[in-house]
Amino acid sequence: MAIAIGYLIAALGAFVAYWFSTGEARNTKLKIWGIALMIPISPALAFSIGLSYAISVQNGWAGLIMWFIFPIIFLSGLVLLLIGLFKKEKKLV
């Protein structure tokens, strides 16, 4: 049940990020998706993937793969956020 809740939280976070970023400027979209990846999506997804993998290989220690998955997703969200903050938008004349 906990695995399904983790996937549900990640999906809900992605849906809310998509909803808020619809119709926004590119930099704003990057900021929204960066924050969404860092806060709700990365911990929930890492937890769910880690437990799913541990169950599939029938080894509880294999669940520690979540400690490798979380920083990868979190850092990708941080990169998106930083690009959204510091990239200049092109002005059309």
Protein backbone atom coordinates (compact mmCIF):
# COMPACT_ATOMS: atom_id res chain seq x y z
CA MET A 1 0.00 0.00 0.00
CA ALA A 2 2.85 2.37 0.81
CA ILE A 3 4.31 1.85 -2.66
CA ALA A 4 1.04 2.86 -4.31
CA ILE A 5 0.81 5.97 -2.13
CA GLY A 6 4.33 6.96 -3.19
CA TYR A 7 3.46 6.59 -6.86
CA LEU A 8 0.21 8.49 -6.24
CA ILE A 9 2.06 11.39 -4.59
CA ALA A 10 4.54 11.54 -7.47
CA ALA A 11 1.74 11.48 -10.05
CA LEU A 12 -0.23 14.12 -8.17
CA GLY A 13 2.87 16.32 -7.95
CA ALA A 14 3.44 15.97 -11.69
CA PHE A 15 -0.21 16.76 -12.43
CA VAL A 16 -0.16 19.88 -10.24
CA ALA A 17 3.11 21.04 -11.83
CA TYR A 18 1.64 20.53 -15.29
CA TRP A 19 -1.51 22.38 -14.27
CA PHE A 20 0.39 25.38 -12.89
CA SER A 21 2.83 25.54 -15.80
CA THR A 22 0.22 25.52 -18.57
CA GLY A 23 0.31 28.80 -20.45
CA GLU A 24 3.31 30.20 -18.57
CA ALA A 25 6.60 31.52 -19.92
CA ARG A 26 9.47 29.07 -20.42
CA ASN A 27 11.44 30.30 -17.39
CA THR A 28 8.39 30.04 -15.17
CA LYS A 29 7.75 26.51 -16.40
CA LEU A 30 11.32 25.54 -15.58
CA LYS A 31 10.99 27.00 -12.08
CA ILE A 32 7.70 25.20 -11.43
CA TRP A 33 8.97 21.84 -12.69
CA GLY A 34 12.24 22.23 -10.79
CA ILE A 35 10.43 22.82 -7.50
CA ALA A 36 7.97 20.02 -8.25
CA LEU A 37 10.77 17.56 -8.96
CA MET A 38 12.66 18.49 -5.82
CA ILE A 39 9.86 18.59 -3.25
CA PRO A 40 7.01 16.13 -3.95
CA ILE A 41 8.20 13.96 -6.83
CA SER A 42 11.76 12.89 -6.00
CA PRO A 43 11.28 11.51 -2.47
CA ALA A 44 8.02 9.76 -3.28
CA LEU A 45 9.29 8.28 -6.53
CA ALA A 46 12.60 7.16 -5.02
CA PHE A 47 10.78 5.51 -2.11
CA SER A 48 8.34 3.70 -4.38
CA ILE A 49 10.93 2.55 -6.89
CA GLY A 50 13.24 1.40 -4.10
CA LEU A 51 10.56 -0.66 -2.38
CA SER A 52 9.28 -2.06 -5.67
CA TYR A 53 12.80 -3.19 -6.56
CA ALA A 54 13.36 -4.69 -3.10
CA ILE A 55 10.17 -6.69 -3.40
CA SER A 56 10.98 -7.87 -6.92
CA VAL A 57 14.43 -9.20 -5.98
CA GLN A 58 13.19 -10.37 -2.55
CA ASN A 59 15.97 -8.63 -0.65
CA GLY A 60 15.23 -5.87 1.83
CA TRP A 61 18.69 -4.35 1.49
CA ALA A 62 18.04 -3.75 -2.21
CA GLY A 63 15.57 -1.08 -1.16
CA LEU A 64 18.54 1.13 -0.35
CA ILE A 65 18.70 1.89 -4.07
CA MET A 66 16.37 4.75 -3.17
CA TRP A 67 19.42 6.51 -1.68
CA PHE A 68 20.91 6.58 -5.19
CA ILE A 69 17.71 7.45 -7.05
CA PHE A 70 16.70 10.38 -4.83
CA PRO A 71 19.79 12.57 -5.40
CA ILE A 72 19.66 12.03 -9.16
CA ILE A 73 16.04 13.19 -9.42
CA PHE A 74 16.59 15.96 -6.86
CA LEU A 75 19.65 17.33 -8.68
CA SER A 76 17.82 17.30 -12.00
CA GLY A 77 15.08 19.38 -10.38
CA LEU A 78 17.70 21.72 -8.93
CA VAL A 79 19.26 22.15 -12.38
CA LEU A 80 15.86 22.97 -13.87
CA LEU A 81 15.19 25.50 -11.12
CA LEU A 82 18.57 27.18 -11.55
CA ILE A 83 18.19 27.35 -15.32
CA GLY A 84 14.76 28.92 -14.84
CA LEU A 85 16.16 31.47 -12.41
CA PHE A 86 19.28 32.55 -14.24
CA LYS A 87 18.55 32.12 -17.96
CA LYS A 88 17.60 35.33 -19.74
CA GLU A 89 14.54 35.35 -21.94
CA LYS A 90 14.93 36.51 -25.51
CA LYS A 91 12.93 39.60 -26.38
CA LEU A 92 11.16 39.61 -29.71
CA VAL A 93 11.34 42.90 -31.59
